[in-house]
């Protein structure tokens, strides 16, 4: 059997945790920073979890994740 291909775009954006949940980074931290408060920028730096409804789809794109 041939190897399954990992979706490279998904691999750069998501990581699978030890418990099997999907971790993602928060959006909105690339530009227009002067309008955002320091508190907001600090919160955006932290990682977030993907919603359960999308987890199955993302895991299909990351077969070896």
PDB file of N, CA and C in Angstrom:
ATOM      1  N   UNK A   1       0.839  -1.200   0.000  1.00  0.00           N
ATOM      2  CA  UNK A   1       0.000   0.000   0.000  1.00  0.00           C
ATOM      3  C   UNK A   1       0.877   1.254   0.000  1.00  0.00           C
ATOM      4  N   UNK A   2       0.495   2.267  -0.765  1.00  0.00           N
ATOM      5  CA  UNK A   2       1.251   3.524  -0.711  1.00  0.00           C
ATOM      6  C   UNK A   2       0.957   4.280   0.581  1.00  0.00           C
ATOM      7  N   UNK A   3       1.880   5.158   0.918  1.00  0.00           N
ATOM      8  CA  UNK A   3       1.683   5.971   2.109  1.00  0.00           C
ATOM      9  C   UNK A   3       0.575   6.988   1.859  1.00  0.00           C
ATOM     10  N   UNK A   4      -0.104   7.377   2.940  1.00  0.00           N
ATOM     11  CA  UNK A   4      -1.119   8.423   2.834  1.00  0.00           C
ATOM     12  C   UNK A   4      -0.417   9.770   2.870  1.00  0.00           C
ATOM     13  N   UNK A   5      -0.942  10.727   2.117  1.00  0.00           N
ATOM     14  CA  UNK A   5      -0.331  12.061   2.070  1.00  0.00           C
ATOM     15  C   UNK A   5      -0.928  12.957   3.143  1.00  0.00           C
ATOM     16  N   UNK A   6      -0.056  13.674   3.826  1.00  0.00           N
ATOM     17  CA  UNK A   6      -0.475  14.674   4.798  1.00  0.00           C
ATOM     18  C   UNK A   6      -0.754  15.964   4.049  1.00  0.00           C
ATOM     19  N   UNK A   7      -1.846  16.629   4.382  1.00  0.00           N
ATOM     20  CA  UNK A   7      -2.135  17.943   3.821  1.00  0.00           C
ATOM     21  C   UNK A   7      -1.182  18.937   4.479  1.00  0.00           C
ATOM     22  N   UNK A   8      -0.261  19.483   3.694  1.00  0.00           N
ATOM     23  CA  UNK A   8       0.796  20.325   4.248  1.00  0.00           C
ATOM     24  C   UNK A   8       0.260  21.636   4.830  1.00  0.00           C
ATOM     25  N   UNK A   9      -0.810  22.168   4.229  1.00  0.00           N
ATOM     26  CA  UNK A   9      -1.398  23.403   4.759  1.00  0.00           C
ATOM     27  C   UNK A   9      -1.956  23.160   6.158  1.00  0.00           C
ATOM     28  N   UNK A  10      -2.599  22.010   6.356  1.00  0.00           N
ATOM     29  CA  UNK A  10      -3.159  21.672   7.667  1.00  0.00           C
ATOM     30  C   UNK A  10      -2.047  21.370   8.667  1.00  0.00           C
ATOM     31  N   UNK A  11      -0.976  20.730   8.204  1.00  0.00           N
ATOM     32  CA  UNK A  11       0.131  20.373   9.094  1.00  0.00           C
ATOM     33  C   UNK A  11       0.805  21.620   9.674  1.00  0.00           C
ATOM     34  N   UNK A  12       0.813  22.715   8.894  1.00  0.00           N
ATOM     35  CA  UNK A  12       1.429  23.949   9.367  1.00  0.00           C
ATOM     36  C   UNK A  12       0.540  24.700  10.355  1.00  0.00           C
ATOM     37  N   UNK A  13      -0.755  24.420  10.323  1.00  0.00           N
ATOM     38  CA  UNK A  13      -1.699  25.168  11.152  1.00  0.00           C
ATOM     39  C   UNK A  13      -2.177  24.440  12.397  1.00  0.00           C
ATOM     40  N   UNK A  14      -2.178  23.119  12.379  1.00  0.00           N
ATOM     41  CA  UNK A  14      -2.753  22.339  13.477  1.00  0.00           C
ATOM     42  C   UNK A  14      -1.765  21.334  14.044  1.00  0.00           C
ATOM     43  N   UNK A  15      -1.909  21.048  15.337  1.00  0.00           N
ATOM     44  CA  UNK A  15      -1.134  19.993  15.998  1.00  0.00           C
ATOM     45  C   UNK A  15      -2.119  19.135  16.781  1.00  0.00           C
ATOM     46  N   UNK A  16      -1.839  17.848  16.858  1.00  0.00           N
ATOM     47  CA  UNK A  16      -2.679  16.948  17.637  1.00  0.00           C
ATOM     48  C   UNK A  16      -2.071  16.842  19.034  1.00  0.00           C
ATOM     49  N   UNK A  17      -2.884  17.021  20.056  1.00  0.00           N
ATOM     50  CA  UNK A  17      -2.399  16.934  21.434  1.00  0.00           C
ATOM     51  C   UNK A  17      -2.293  15.470  21.856  1.00  0.00           C
ATOM     52  N   UNK A  18      -1.735  15.239  23.019  1.00  0.00           N
ATOM     53  CA  UNK A  18      -1.583  13.881  23.533  1.00  0.00           C
ATOM     54  C   UNK A  18      -2.903  13.186  23.773  1.00  0.00           C
ATOM     55  N   UNK A  19      -3.936  13.971  24.094  1.00  0.00           N
ATOM     56  CA  UNK A  19      -5.253  13.381  24.339  1.00  0.00           C
ATOM     57  C   UNK A  19      -6.062  13.224  23.058  1.00  0.00           C
ATOM     58  N   UNK A  20      -5.507  13.682  21.915  1.00  0.00           N
ATOM     59  CA  UNK A  20      -6.190  13.504  20.641  1.00  0.00           C
ATOM     60  C   UNK A  20      -6.998  14.690  20.180  1.00  0.00           C
ATOM     61  N   UNK A  21      -6.968  15.804  20.921  1.00  0.00           N
ATOM     62  CA  UNK A  21      -7.664  17.006  20.483  1.00  0.00           C
ATOM     63  C   UNK A  21      -6.778  17.768  19.505  1.00  0.00           C
ATOM     64  N   UNK A  22      -7.371  18.697  18.772  1.00  0.00           N
ATOM     65  CA  UNK A  22      -6.624  19.451  17.769  1.00  0.00           C
ATOM     66  C   UNK A  22      -6.404  20.873  18.281  1.00  0.00           C
ATOM     67  N   UNK A  23      -5.137  21.282  18.273  1.00  0.00           N
ATOM     68  CA  UNK A  23      -4.757  22.604  18.757  1.00  0.00           C
ATOM     69  C   UNK A  23      -4.512  23.533  17.564  1.00  0.00           C
ATOM     70  N   UNK A  24      -4.890  24.790  17.714  1.00  0.00           N
ATOM     71  CA  UNK A  24      -4.673  25.784  16.668  1.00  0.00           C
ATOM     72  C   UNK A  24      -4.258  27.096  17.314  1.00  0.00           C
ATOM     73  N   UNK A  25      -3.623  27.958  16.517  1.00  0.00           N
ATOM     74  CA  UNK A  25      -3.301  29.284  17.038  1.00  0.00           C
ATOM     75  C   UNK A  25      -4.428  30.240  16.670  1.00  0.00           C
ATOM     76  N   UNK A  26      -4.542  31.315  17.409  1.00  0.00           N
ATOM     77  CA  UNK A  26      -5.611  32.279  17.176  1.00  0.00           C
ATOM     78  C   UNK A  26      -5.231  33.218  16.041  1.00  0.00           C
ATOM     79  N   UNK A  27      -6.222  33.669  15.315  1.00  0.00           N
ATOM     80  CA  UNK A  27      -5.996  34.587  14.200  1.00  0.00           C
ATOM     81  C   UNK A  27      -6.014  36.033  14.656  1.00  0.00           C
ATOM     82  N   UNK A  28      -5.556  36.916  13.778  1.00  0.00           N
ATOM     83  CA  UNK A  28      -5.640  38.340  14.039  1.00  0.00           C
ATOM     84  C   UNK A  28      -4.420  38.923  14.708  1.00  0.00           C
ATOM     85  N   UNK A  29      -3.257  38.312  14.506  1.00  0.00           N
ATOM     86  CA  UNK A  29      -2.046  38.795  15.177  1.00  0.00           C
ATOM     87  C   UNK A  29      -0.978  39.207  14.154  1.00  0.00           C
ATOM     88  N   UNK A  30      -1.372  39.461  12.915  1.00  0.00           N
ATOM     89  CA  UNK A  30      -0.384  39.749  11.880  1.00  0.00           C
ATOM     90  C   UNK A  30      -0.243  41.213  11.510  1.00  0.00           C
ATOM     91  N   UNK A  31      -1.338  41.957  11.463  1.00  0.00           N
ATOM     92  CA  UNK A  31      -1.226  43.362  11.075  1.00  0.00           C
ATOM     93  C   UNK A  31      -2.302  44.170  11.785  1.00  0.00           C
ATOM     94  N   UNK A  32      -2.238  45.494  11.606  1.00  0.00           N
ATOM     95  CA  UNK A  32      -3.138  46.447  12.299  1.00  0.00           C
ATOM     96  C   UNK A  32      -3.001  46.310  13.818  1.00  0.00           C
ATOM     97  N   UNK A  33      -1.771  46.168  14.272  1.00  0.00           N
ATOM     98  CA  UNK A  33      -1.547  45.934  15.699  1.00  0.00           C
ATOM     99  C   UNK A  33      -1.769  47.192  16.536  1.00  0.00           C
ATOM    100  N   UNK A  34      -1.608  48.378  15.930  1.00  0.00           N
ATOM    101  CA  UNK A  34      -1.732  49.597  16.730  1.00  0.00           C
ATOM    102  C   UNK A  34      -3.160  49.823  17.224  1.00  0.00           C
ATOM    103  N   UNK A  35      -4.139  49.233  16.553  1.00  0.00           N
ATOM    104  CA  UNK A  35      -5.533  49.380  16.999  1.00  0.00           C
ATOM    105  C   UNK A  35      -5.900  48.391  18.106  1.00  0.00           C
ATOM    106  N   UNK A  36      -5.100  47.334  18.259  1.00  0.00           N
ATOM    107  CA  UNK A  36      -5.415  46.306  19.250  1.00  0.00           C
ATOM    108  C   UNK A  36      -4.692  46.607  20.563  1.00  0.00           C
ATOM    109  N   UNK A  37      -5.378  46.360  21.666  1.00  0.00           N
ATOM    110  CA  UNK A  37      -4.783  46.636  22.974  1.00  0.00           C
ATOM    111  C   UNK A  37      -3.726  45.590  23.302  1.00  0.00           C
ATOM    112  N   UNK A  38      -2.857  45.908  24.241  1.00  0.00           N
ATOM    113  CA  UNK A  38      -1.819  44.964  24.661  1.00  0.00           C
ATOM    114  C   UNK A  38      -2.443  43.708  25.242  1.00  0.00           C
ATOM    115  N   UNK A  39      -3.515  43.915  25.995  1.00  0.00           N
ATOM    116  CA  UNK A  39      -4.212  42.792  26.616  1.00  0.00           C
ATOM    117  C   UNK A  39      -4.761  41.845  25.549  1.00  0.00           C
ATOM    118  N   UNK A  40      -5.313  42.417  24.492  1.00  0.00           N
ATOM    119  CA  UNK A  40      -5.872  41.620  23.401  1.00  0.00           C
ATOM    120  C   UNK A  40      -4.781  40.857  22.661  1.00  0.00           C
ATOM    121  N   UNK A  41      -3.647  41.513  22.398  1.00  0.00           N
ATOM    122  CA  UNK A  41      -2.521  40.859  21.723  1.00  0.00           C
ATOM    123  C   UNK A  41      -1.972  39.712  22.554  1.00  0.00           C
ATOM    124  N   UNK A  42      -1.930  39.900  23.870  1.00  0.00           N
ATOM    125  CA  UNK A  42      -1.454  38.861  24.771  1.00  0.00           C
ATOM    126  C   UNK A  42      -2.366  37.641  24.708  1.00  0.00           C
ATOM    127  N   UNK A  43      -3.666  37.880  24.683  1.00  0.00           N
ATOM    128  CA  UNK A  43      -4.635  36.778  24.609  1.00  0.00           C
ATOM    129  C   UNK A  43      -4.537  36.037  23.281  1.00  0.00           C
ATOM    130  N   UNK A  44      -4.265  36.785  22.201  1.00  0.00           N
ATOM    131  CA  UNK A  44      -4.177  36.168  20.875  1.00  0.00           C
ATOM    132  C   UNK A  44      -2.944  35.278  20.722  1.00  0.00           C
ATOM    133  N   UNK A  45      -1.909  35.515  21.538  1.00  0.00           N
ATOM    134  CA  UNK A  45      -0.692  34.703  21.452  1.00  0.00           C
ATOM    135  C   UNK A  45      -0.915  33.270  21.909  1.00  0.00           C
ATOM    136  N   UNK A  46      -1.883  33.067  22.796  1.00  0.00           N
ATOM    137  CA  UNK A  46      -2.113  31.738  23.349  1.00  0.00           C
ATOM    138  C   UNK A  46      -2.793  30.831  22.337  1.00  0.00           C
ATOM    139  N   UNK A  47      -2.566  29.533  22.479  1.00  0.00           N
ATOM    140  CA  UNK A  47      -3.194  28.568  21.587  1.00  0.00           C
ATOM    141  C   UNK A  47      -4.628  28.303  21.994  1.00  0.00           C
ATOM    142  N   UNK A  48      -5.391  27.785  21.054  1.00  0.00           N
ATOM    143  CA  UNK A  48      -6.798  27.496  21.274  1.00  0.00           C
ATOM    144  C   UNK A  48      -7.070  26.097  20.724  1.00  0.00           C
ATOM    145  N   UNK A  49      -8.203  25.531  21.090  1.00  0.00           N
ATOM    146  CA  UNK A  49      -8.586  24.221  20.572  1.00  0.00           C
ATOM    147  C   UNK A  49      -9.589  24.387  19.437  1.00  0.00           C
ATOM    148  N   UNK A  50      -9.519  23.473  18.481  1.00  0.00           N
ATOM    149  CA  UNK A  50     -10.473  23.461  17.376  1.00  0.00           C
ATOM    150  C   UNK A  50     -11.807  22.941  17.902  1.00  0.00           C
ATOM    151  N   UNK A  51     -12.897  23.476  17.392  1.00  0.00           N
ATOM    152  CA  UNK A  51     -14.226  23.026  17.792  1.00  0.00           C
ATOM    153  C   UNK A  51     -14.414  21.556  17.432  1.00  0.00           C
ATOM    154  N   UNK A  52     -15.143  20.849  18.250  1.00  0.00           N
ATOM    155  CA  UNK A  52     -15.352  19.413  18.053  1.00  0.00           C
ATOM    156  C   UNK A  52     -15.966  19.043  16.726  1.00  0.00           C
ATOM    157  N   UNK A  53     -16.764  19.946  16.144  1.00  0.00           N
ATOM    158  CA  UNK A  53     -17.410  19.648  14.868  1.00  0.00           C
ATOM    159  C   UNK A  53     -16.411  19.599  13.712  1.00  0.00           C
ATOM    160  N   UNK A  54     -15.254  20.242  13.861  1.00  0.00           N
ATOM    161  CA  UNK A  54     -14.240  20.255  12.811  1.00  0.00           C
ATOM    162  C   UNK A  54     -13.130  19.244  13.034  1.00  0.00           C
ATOM    163  N   UNK A  55     -13.046  18.678  14.234  1.00  0.00           N
ATOM    164  CA  UNK A  55     -11.921  17.804  14.575  1.00  0.00           C
ATOM    165  C   UNK A  55     -11.767  16.621  13.619  1.00  0.00           C
ATOM    166  N   UNK A  56     -12.857  15.974  13.290  1.00  0.00           N
ATOM    167  CA  UNK A  56     -12.791  14.786  12.428  1.00  0.00           C
ATOM    168  C   UNK A  56     -12.244  15.146  11.052  1.00  0.00           C
ATOM    169  N   UNK A  57     -12.677  16.295  10.511  1.00  0.00           N
ATOM    170  CA  UNK A  57     -12.211  16.731   9.192  1.00  0.00           C
ATOM    171  C   UNK A  57     -10.719  17.023   9.183  1.00  0.00           C
ATOM    172  N   UNK A  58     -10.245  17.662  10.242  1.00  0.00           N
ATOM    173  CA  UNK A  58      -8.831  18.020  10.315  1.00  0.00           C
ATOM    174  C   UNK A  58      -7.973  16.778  10.503  1.00  0.00           C
ATOM    175  N   UNK A  59      -8.458  15.833  11.293  1.00  0.00           N
ATOM    176  CA  UNK A  59      -7.705  14.597  11.513  1.00  0.00           C
ATOM    177  C   UNK A  59      -7.577  13.774  10.230  1.00  0.00           C
ATOM    178  N   UNK A  60      -8.540  13.889   9.316  1.00  0.00           N
ATOM    179  CA  UNK A  60      -8.423  13.216   8.011  1.00  0.00           C
ATOM    180  C   UNK A  60      -7.272  13.807   7.198  1.00  0.00           C
ATOM    181  N   UNK A  61      -7.030  15.103   7.363  1.00  0.00           N
ATOM    182  CA  UNK A  61      -5.940  15.757   6.641  1.00  0.00           C
ATOM    183  C   UNK A  61      -4.582  15.467   7.274  1.00  0.00           C
ATOM    184  N   UNK A  62      -4.573  15.027   8.529  1.00  0.00           N
ATOM    185  CA  UNK A  62      -3.331  14.717   9.246  1.00  0.00           C
ATOM    186  C   UNK A  62      -3.323  13.232   9.630  1.00  0.00           C
ATOM    187  N   UNK A  63      -3.112  12.333   8.677  1.00  0.00           N
ATOM    188  CA  UNK A  63      -3.238  10.907   8.978  1.00  0.00           C
ATOM    189  C   UNK A  63      -2.213  10.391   9.990  1.00  0.00           C
ATOM    190  N   UNK A  64      -1.044  11.043  10.073  1.00  0.00           N
ATOM    191  CA  UNK A  64      -0.011  10.564  10.994  1.00  0.00           C
ATOM    192  C   UNK A  64       0.165  11.525  12.167  1.00  0.00           C
ATOM    193  N   UNK A  65      -0.802  12.378  12.406  1.00  0.00           N
ATOM    194  CA  UNK A  65      -0.703  13.394  13.456  1.00  0.00           C
ATOM    195  C   UNK A  65      -0.897  12.838  14.836  1.00  0.00           C
TER     196      UNK A  65
END
